[in-house]
C-alpha atoms as a PDB file:
ATOM      1  CA  UNK A   1     -62.336 -25.719-178.794  1.00  0.00           C
ATOM      2  CA  UNK A   2     -60.811 -27.376-181.819  1.00  0.00           C
ATOM      3  CA  UNK A   3     -57.773 -25.090-181.722  1.00  0.00           C
ATOM      4  CA  UNK A   4     -56.976 -26.274-178.198  1.00  0.00           C
ATOM      5  CA  UNK A   5     -57.309 -29.937-179.155  1.00  0.00           C
ATOM      6  CA  UNK A   6     -55.097 -29.381-182.189  1.00  0.00           C
ATOM      7  CA  UNK A   7     -52.560 -27.547-180.024  1.00  0.00           C
ATOM      8  CA  UNK A   8     -52.514 -30.416-177.538  1.00  0.00           C
ATOM      9  CA  UNK A   9     -51.929 -32.959-180.293  1.00  0.00           C
ATOM     10  CA  UNK A  10     -49.138 -30.860-181.798  1.00  0.00           C
ATOM     11  CA  UNK A  11     -47.570 -30.525-178.341  1.00  0.00           C
ATOM     12  CA  UNK A  12     -47.626 -34.283-177.711  1.00  0.00           C
ATOM     13  CA  UNK A  13     -46.186 -35.089-181.152  1.00  0.00           C
ATOM     14  CA  UNK A  14     -43.445 -32.443-180.847  1.00  0.00           C
ATOM     15  CA  UNK A  15     -42.492 -33.613-177.353  1.00  0.00           C
ATOM     16  CA  UNK A  16     -42.386 -37.246-178.480  1.00  0.00           C
ATOM     17  CA  UNK A  17     -40.133 -36.480-181.456  1.00  0.00           C
ATOM     18  CA  UNK A  18     -37.987 -34.247-179.259  1.00  0.00           C
ATOM     19  CA  UNK A  19     -37.444 -37.023-176.698  1.00  0.00           C
ATOM     20  CA  UNK A  20     -36.768 -39.671-179.363  1.00  0.00           C
ATOM     21  CA  UNK A  21     -34.101 -37.418-180.854  1.00  0.00           C
ATOM     22  CA  UNK A  22     -32.575 -36.757-177.425  1.00  0.00           C
ATOM     23  CA  UNK A  23     -32.496 -40.461-176.542  1.00  0.00           C
ATOM     24  CA  UNK A  24     -30.706 -41.296-179.808  1.00  0.00           C
ATOM     25  CA  UNK A  25     -27.973 -38.775-178.971  1.00  0.00           C
ATOM     26  CA  UNK A  26     -27.367 -39.950-175.401  1.00  0.00           C
ATOM     27  CA  UNK A  27     -24.650 -42.362-174.423  1.00  0.00           C
ATOM     28  CA  UNK A  28     -25.535 -45.812-173.133  1.00  0.00           C
ATOM     29  CA  UNK A  29     -23.698 -45.296-169.829  1.00  0.00           C
ATOM     30  CA  UNK A  30     -25.913 -42.412-168.638  1.00  0.00           C
ATOM     31  CA  UNK A  31     -28.244 -43.196-165.771  1.00  0.00           C
ATOM     32  CA  UNK A  32     -32.006 -43.386-166.228  1.00  0.00           C
ATOM     33  CA  UNK A  33     -32.538 -41.018-163.290  1.00  0.00           C
ATOM     34  CA  UNK A  34     -30.545 -38.309-165.052  1.00  0.00           C
ATOM     35  CA  UNK A  35     -32.444 -38.876-168.297  1.00  0.00           C
ATOM     36  CA  UNK A  36     -35.751 -38.779-166.414  1.00  0.00           C
ATOM     37  CA  UNK A  37     -34.828 -35.482-164.751  1.00  0.00           C
ATOM     38  CA  UNK A  38     -33.853 -33.977-168.110  1.00  0.00           C
ATOM     39  CA  UNK A  39     -37.128 -35.255-169.593  1.00  0.00           C
ATOM     40  CA  UNK A  40     -39.131 -33.679-166.779  1.00  0.00           C
ATOM     41  CA  UNK A  41     -37.387 -30.321-167.187  1.00  0.00           C
ATOM     42  CA  UNK A  42     -37.941 -30.464-170.958  1.00  0.00           C
ATOM     43  CA  UNK A  43     -41.610 -31.269-170.386  1.00  0.00           C
ATOM     44  CA  UNK A  44     -42.060 -28.300-168.036  1.00  0.00           C
ATOM     45  CA  UNK A  45     -40.318 -25.950-170.476  1.00  0.00           C
ATOM     46  CA  UNK A  46     -42.542 -27.149-173.303  1.00  0.00           C
ATOM     47  CA  UNK A  47     -45.679 -26.698-171.182  1.00  0.00           C
ATOM     48  CA  UNK A  48     -44.645 -23.140-170.307  1.00  0.00           C
ATOM     49  CA  UNK A  49     -43.955 -22.398-173.975  1.00  0.00           C
ATOM     50  CA  UNK A  50     -47.269 -23.877-175.058  1.00  0.00           C
ATOM     51  CA  UNK A  51     -49.220 -21.905-172.466  1.00  0.00           C
ATOM     52  CA  UNK A  52     -47.342 -18.708-173.292  1.00  0.00           C
ATOM     53  CA  UNK A  53     -47.921 -19.156-177.012  1.00  0.00           C
ATOM     54  CA  UNK A  54     -51.600 -19.938-176.398  1.00  0.00           C
ATOM     55  CA  UNK A  55     -52.034 -16.810-174.303  1.00  0.00           C
ATOM     56  CA  UNK A  56     -50.261 -14.725-176.932  1.00  0.00           C
ATOM     57  CA  UNK A  57     -52.363 -16.242-179.719  1.00  0.00           C
ATOM     58  CA  UNK A  58     -55.644 -15.691-177.875  1.00  0.00           C
ATOM     59  CA  UNK A  59     -54.651 -12.109-176.999  1.00  0.00           C
ATOM     60  CA  UNK A  60     -53.821 -11.311-180.616  1.00  0.00           C
ATOM     61  CA  UNK A  61     -57.016 -13.041-181.764  1.00  0.00           C
ATOM     62  CA  UNK A  62     -59.114 -11.013-179.320  1.00  0.00           C
ATOM     63  CA  UNK A  63     -57.461  -7.738-180.286  1.00  0.00           C
ATOM     64  CA  UNK A  64     -57.946  -8.360-184.014  1.00  0.00           C
ATOM     65  CA  UNK A  65     -61.667  -9.105-183.648  1.00  0.00           C
END
């Protein structure tokens, strides 16, 4: 259970730093709706990556034990 909690915390921290970095690089004249859409797509990609990595990790863990 702890590995899932740790993974969730790492995901939230990585996503937060990722969005802060992206917002620093954007221009001031871009619309908030466009930035929100990009943020949503980034969030979905990160969720898919996290789930895929978790499945891979658990599969490798199960095979090795």
